[in-house]
Amino acid sequence: MKNAVRFIVAQLFLIGACFAQQGLTVQSGKEKWPVAEAQKIYAAACLVVAQEYRVKQTLNPSVKLILGAQKEDVWLEGHEIRLTKWNPYMFAQGVVMLALADAVSLDKRLEMTKRAVSWADATVDVGDVGRNASSDNGRR
């Protein structure tokens, strides 16, 4: 158990170091936000995604946090997390989404998209099979 805790602490430290290199850009206006908490959440979210999906490379997407936005959302292409006010859970959710986008390359995402459409086209509704069989019997 101690080794697992040490491993997690070491991972958080390493991710924190990477975070310092990447940086978190914040556009906050008058909104207050806890810098240390944001850094810890960023590091933990990246670590969780890496462990969950067994990602070998370090995940540290560049993130621009916009506080005081009109609505809460995540813009993947711009790596932006827009929050109306500081919310650690919404921030973590945004970082997870951005880390997942970085974990899977665009080529891999497009490949999965094509596969999903192919699988959907290859499936048949069981109800349709029964109707087609009964209509064929009437013709014979």
C-alpha atoms as a PDB file:
ATOM      1  CA  MET A   1       0.000   0.000   0.000  1.00  0.00           C
ATOM      2  CA  LYS A   2       2.845   2.395   0.847  1.00  0.00           C
ATOM      3  CA  ASN A   3       4.437   1.699  -2.524  1.00  0.00           C
ATOM      4  CA  ALA A   4       1.206   2.573  -4.312  1.00  0.00           C
ATOM      5  CA  VAL A   5       0.944   5.858  -2.430  1.00  0.00           C
ATOM      6  CA  ARG A   6       4.578   6.669  -3.180  1.00  0.00           C
ATOM      7  CA  PHE A   7       4.015   5.864  -6.850  1.00  0.00           C
ATOM      8  CA  ILE A   8       0.984   8.156  -7.043  1.00  0.00           C
ATOM      9  CA  VAL A   9       2.819  10.966  -5.245  1.00  0.00           C
ATOM     10  CA  ALA A  10       5.772  10.568  -7.607  1.00  0.00           C
ATOM     11  CA  GLN A  11       3.452  10.622 -10.609  1.00  0.00           C
ATOM     12  CA  LEU A  12       1.705  13.740  -9.349  1.00  0.00           C
ATOM     13  CA  PHE A  13       5.085  15.401  -8.800  1.00  0.00           C
ATOM     14  CA  LEU A  14       6.218  14.538 -12.330  1.00  0.00           C
ATOM     15  CA  ILE A  15       2.962  15.665 -13.844  1.00  0.00           C
ATOM     16  CA  GLY A  16       3.171  18.831 -11.787  1.00  0.00           C
ATOM     17  CA  ALA A  17       6.592  19.482 -13.258  1.00  0.00           C
ATOM     18  CA  CYS A  18       5.193  18.961 -16.746  1.00  0.00           C
ATOM     19  CA  PHE A  19       2.295  21.246 -15.836  1.00  0.00           C
ATOM     20  CA  ALA A  20       4.740  23.964 -14.922  1.00  0.00           C
ATOM     21  CA  GLN A  21       6.316  23.610 -18.370  1.00  0.00           C
ATOM     22  CA  GLN A  22       2.985  23.617 -20.214  1.00  0.00           C
ATOM     23  CA  GLY A  23       1.296  26.131 -17.975  1.00  0.00           C
ATOM     24  CA  LEU A  24      -2.305  26.908 -17.351  1.00  0.00           C
ATOM     25  CA  THR A  25      -3.482  30.045 -19.042  1.00  0.00           C
ATOM     26  CA  VAL A  26      -6.290  31.722 -17.182  1.00  0.00           C
ATOM     27  CA  GLN A  27      -8.487  34.547 -18.352  1.00  0.00           C
ATOM     28  CA  SER A  28     -10.448  35.474 -15.266  1.00  0.00           C
ATOM     29  CA  GLY A  29     -11.413  39.114 -15.288  1.00  0.00           C
ATOM     30  CA  LYS A  30     -12.561  39.749 -11.719  1.00  0.00           C
ATOM     31  CA  GLU A  31     -13.232  36.082 -10.909  1.00  0.00           C
ATOM     32  CA  LYS A  32     -11.055  34.632  -8.158  1.00  0.00           C
ATOM     33  CA  TRP A  33      -9.625  31.164  -8.550  1.00  0.00           C
ATOM     34  CA  PRO A  34      -7.300  29.034  -6.407  1.00  0.00           C
ATOM     35  CA  VAL A  35      -4.070  28.571  -8.360  1.00  0.00           C
ATOM     36  CA  ALA A  36      -2.719  25.663  -6.271  1.00  0.00           C
ATOM     37  CA  GLU A  37      -6.038  23.794  -6.386  1.00  0.00           C
ATOM     38  CA  ALA A  38      -6.270  24.224 -10.154  1.00  0.00           C
ATOM     39  CA  GLN A  39      -2.743  22.845 -10.588  1.00  0.00           C
ATOM     40  CA  LYS A  40      -3.482  19.825  -8.373  1.00  0.00           C
ATOM     41  CA  ILE A  41      -6.736  19.096 -10.198  1.00  0.00           C
ATOM     42  CA  TYR A  42      -5.008  19.407 -13.576  1.00  0.00           C
ATOM     43  CA  ALA A  43      -2.254  16.973 -12.551  1.00  0.00           C
ATOM     44  CA  ALA A  44      -4.669  14.497 -10.981  1.00  0.00           C
ATOM     45  CA  ALA A  45      -7.052  14.542 -13.965  1.00  0.00           C
ATOM     46  CA  CYS A  46      -4.206  13.853 -16.395  1.00  0.00           C
ATOM     47  CA  LEU A  47      -2.928  11.037 -14.185  1.00  0.00           C
ATOM     48  CA  VAL A  48      -6.387   9.461 -13.907  1.00  0.00           C
ATOM     49  CA  VAL A  49      -6.856   9.461 -17.690  1.00  0.00           C
ATOM     50  CA  ALA A  50      -3.370   8.036 -18.258  1.00  0.00           C
ATOM     51  CA  GLN A  51      -3.935   5.241 -15.758  1.00  0.00           C
ATOM     52  CA  GLU A  52      -7.489   4.452 -16.849  1.00  0.00           C
ATOM     53  CA  TYR A  53      -6.555   4.128 -20.526  1.00  0.00           C
ATOM     54  CA  ARG A  54      -3.001   2.862 -19.972  1.00  0.00           C
ATOM     55  CA  VAL A  55      -1.505   5.753 -21.910  1.00  0.00           C
ATOM     56  CA  LYS A  56       2.262   5.425 -22.087  1.00  0.00           C
ATOM     57  CA  GLN A  57       3.080   9.054 -22.868  1.00  0.00           C
ATOM     58  CA  THR A  58       2.702  11.836 -20.357  1.00  0.00           C
ATOM     59  CA  LEU A  59      -0.586  13.633 -20.740  1.00  0.00           C
ATOM     60  CA  ASN A  60      -0.350  17.368 -20.244  1.00  0.00           C
ATOM     61  CA  PRO A  61      -2.647  19.195 -22.617  1.00  0.00           C
ATOM     62  CA  SER A  62      -2.339  22.938 -22.753  1.00  0.00           C
ATOM     63  CA  VAL A  63      -5.434  24.389 -21.130  1.00  0.00           C
ATOM     64  CA  LYS A  64      -6.868  27.863 -21.266  1.00  0.00           C
ATOM     65  CA  LEU A  65      -9.326  28.396 -18.443  1.00  0.00           C
ATOM     66  CA  ILE A  66     -11.811  31.207 -19.040  1.00  0.00           C
ATOM     67  CA  LEU A  67     -13.653  32.284 -15.905  1.00  0.00           C
ATOM     68  CA  GLY A  68     -16.708  34.522 -16.125  1.00  0.00           C
ATOM     69  CA  ALA A  69     -17.922  32.953 -19.386  1.00  0.00           C
ATOM     70  CA  GLN A  70     -21.579  33.166 -20.417  1.00  0.00           C
ATOM     71  CA  LYS A  71     -22.000  29.383 -20.118  1.00  0.00           C
ATOM     72  CA  GLU A  72     -19.922  26.395 -19.088  1.00  0.00           C
ATOM     73  CA  ASP A  73     -18.414  24.346 -21.886  1.00  0.00           C
ATOM     74  CA  VAL A  74     -15.222  22.879 -23.297  1.00  0.00           C
ATOM     75  CA  TRP A  75     -13.833  23.784 -26.689  1.00  0.00           C
ATOM     76  CA  LEU A  76     -11.598  20.872 -27.704  1.00  0.00           C
ATOM     77  CA  GLU A  77      -9.959  22.512 -30.726  1.00  0.00           C
ATOM     78  CA  GLY A  78      -8.965  25.597 -28.754  1.00  0.00           C
ATOM     79  CA  HIS A  79      -8.166  23.652 -25.567  1.00  0.00           C
ATOM     80  CA  GLU A  80     -10.444  26.002 -23.662  1.00  0.00           C
ATOM     81  CA  ILE A  81     -12.497  25.346 -20.561  1.00  0.00           C
ATOM     82  CA  ARG A  82     -15.128  28.033 -20.104  1.00  0.00           C
ATOM     83  CA  LEU A  83     -16.702  28.393 -16.671  1.00  0.00           C
ATOM     84  CA  THR A  84     -19.130  30.984 -15.350  1.00  0.00           C
ATOM     85  CA  LYS A  85     -17.247  30.831 -12.030  1.00  0.00           C
ATOM     86  CA  TRP A  86     -14.610  28.603 -10.444  1.00  0.00           C
ATOM     87  CA  ASN A  87     -15.932  25.069 -10.056  1.00  0.00           C
ATOM     88  CA  PRO A  88     -13.361  22.339  -9.323  1.00  0.00           C
ATOM     89  CA  TYR A  89     -15.593  19.537 -10.651  1.00  0.00           C
ATOM     90  CA  MET A  90     -16.356  21.271 -13.932  1.00  0.00           C
ATOM     91  CA  PHE A  91     -12.693  22.192 -14.322  1.00  0.00           C
ATOM     92  CA  ALA A  92     -11.672  18.571 -13.710  1.00  0.00           C
ATOM     93  CA  GLN A  93     -14.265  17.386 -16.215  1.00  0.00           C
ATOM     94  CA  GLY A  94     -12.857  19.757 -18.820  1.00  0.00           C
ATOM     95  CA  VAL A  95      -9.267  18.660 -18.177  1.00  0.00           C
ATOM     96  CA  VAL A  96     -10.311  14.997 -18.468  1.00  0.00           C
ATOM     97  CA  MET A  97     -11.972  15.718 -21.813  1.00  0.00           C
ATOM     98  CA  LEU A  98      -8.914  17.564 -23.108  1.00  0.00           C
ATOM     99  CA  ALA A  99      -6.551  14.858 -21.838  1.00  0.00           C
ATOM    100  CA  LEU A 100      -8.643  12.183 -23.552  1.00  0.00           C
ATOM    101  CA  ALA A 101      -8.526  14.167 -26.793  1.00  0.00           C
ATOM    102  CA  ASP A 102      -4.721  14.296 -26.505  1.00  0.00           C
ATOM    103  CA  ALA A 103      -4.479  10.610 -25.586  1.00  0.00           C
ATOM    104  CA  VAL A 104      -6.129   9.471 -28.810  1.00  0.00           C
ATOM    105  CA  SER A 105      -4.692  10.827 -32.045  1.00  0.00           C
ATOM    106  CA  LEU A 106      -6.921  12.356 -34.704  1.00  0.00           C
ATOM    107  CA  ASP A 107      -6.134   9.450 -37.054  1.00  0.00           C
ATOM    108  CA  LYS A 108      -7.208   6.955 -34.390  1.00  0.00           C
ATOM    109  CA  ARG A 109     -10.413   8.902 -33.659  1.00  0.00           C
ATOM    110  CA  LEU A 110     -11.270   8.968 -37.386  1.00  0.00           C
ATOM    111  CA  GLU A 111     -10.552   5.231 -37.624  1.00  0.00           C
ATOM    112  CA  MET A 112     -12.882   4.559 -34.680  1.00  0.00           C
ATOM    113  CA  THR A 113     -15.539   6.781 -36.284  1.00  0.00           C
ATOM    114  CA  LYS A 114     -15.434   4.780 -39.528  1.00  0.00           C
ATOM    115  CA  ARG A 115     -15.545   1.528 -37.582  1.00  0.00           C
ATOM    116  CA  ALA A 116     -18.572   2.708 -35.587  1.00  0.00           C
ATOM    117  CA  VAL A 117     -20.499   3.567 -38.765  1.00  0.00           C
ATOM    118  CA  SER A 118     -19.521   0.232 -40.350  1.00  0.00           C
ATOM    119  CA  TRP A 119     -20.659  -1.678 -37.281  1.00  0.00           C
ATOM    120  CA  ALA A 120     -23.941   0.224 -37.213  1.00  0.00           C
ATOM    121  CA  ASP A 121     -24.540  -0.580 -40.902  1.00  0.00           C
ATOM    122  CA  ALA A 122     -23.712  -4.247 -40.276  1.00  0.00           C
ATOM    123  CA  THR A 123     -26.273  -4.734 -37.495  1.00  0.00           C
ATOM    124  CA  VAL A 124     -29.823  -5.877 -38.102  1.00  0.00           C
ATOM    125  CA  ASP A 125     -32.800  -5.344 -35.827  1.00  0.00           C
ATOM    126  CA  VAL A 126     -34.141  -8.718 -34.662  1.00  0.00           C
ATOM    127  CA  GLY A 127     -37.687  -7.522 -35.364  1.00  0.00           C
ATOM    128  CA  ASP A 128     -36.741  -6.872 -38.984  1.00  0.00           C
ATOM    129  CA  VAL A 129     -35.383 -10.401 -39.372  1.00  0.00           C
ATOM    130  CA  GLY A 130     -38.709 -11.914 -38.278  1.00  0.00           C
ATOM    131  CA  ARG A 131     -40.713  -9.672 -40.624  1.00  0.00           C
ATOM    132  CA  ASN A 132     -38.466 -10.428 -43.588  1.00  0.00           C
ATOM    133  CA  ALA A 133     -38.683 -14.186 -42.962  1.00  0.00           C
ATOM    134  CA  SER A 134     -42.491 -14.157 -42.706  1.00  0.00           C
ATOM    135  CA  SER A 135     -42.862 -12.091 -45.869  1.00  0.00           C
ATOM    136  CA  ASP A 136     -40.565 -14.526 -47.702  1.00  0.00           C
ATOM    137  CA  ASN A 137     -42.706 -17.497 -46.572  1.00  0.00           C
ATOM    138  CA  GLY A 138     -45.812 -15.949 -48.042  1.00  0.00           C
ATOM    139  CA  ARG A 139     -44.150 -15.764 -51.471  1.00  0.00           C
ATOM    140  CA  ARG A 140     -43.250 -19.430 -51.650  1.00  0.00           C
END
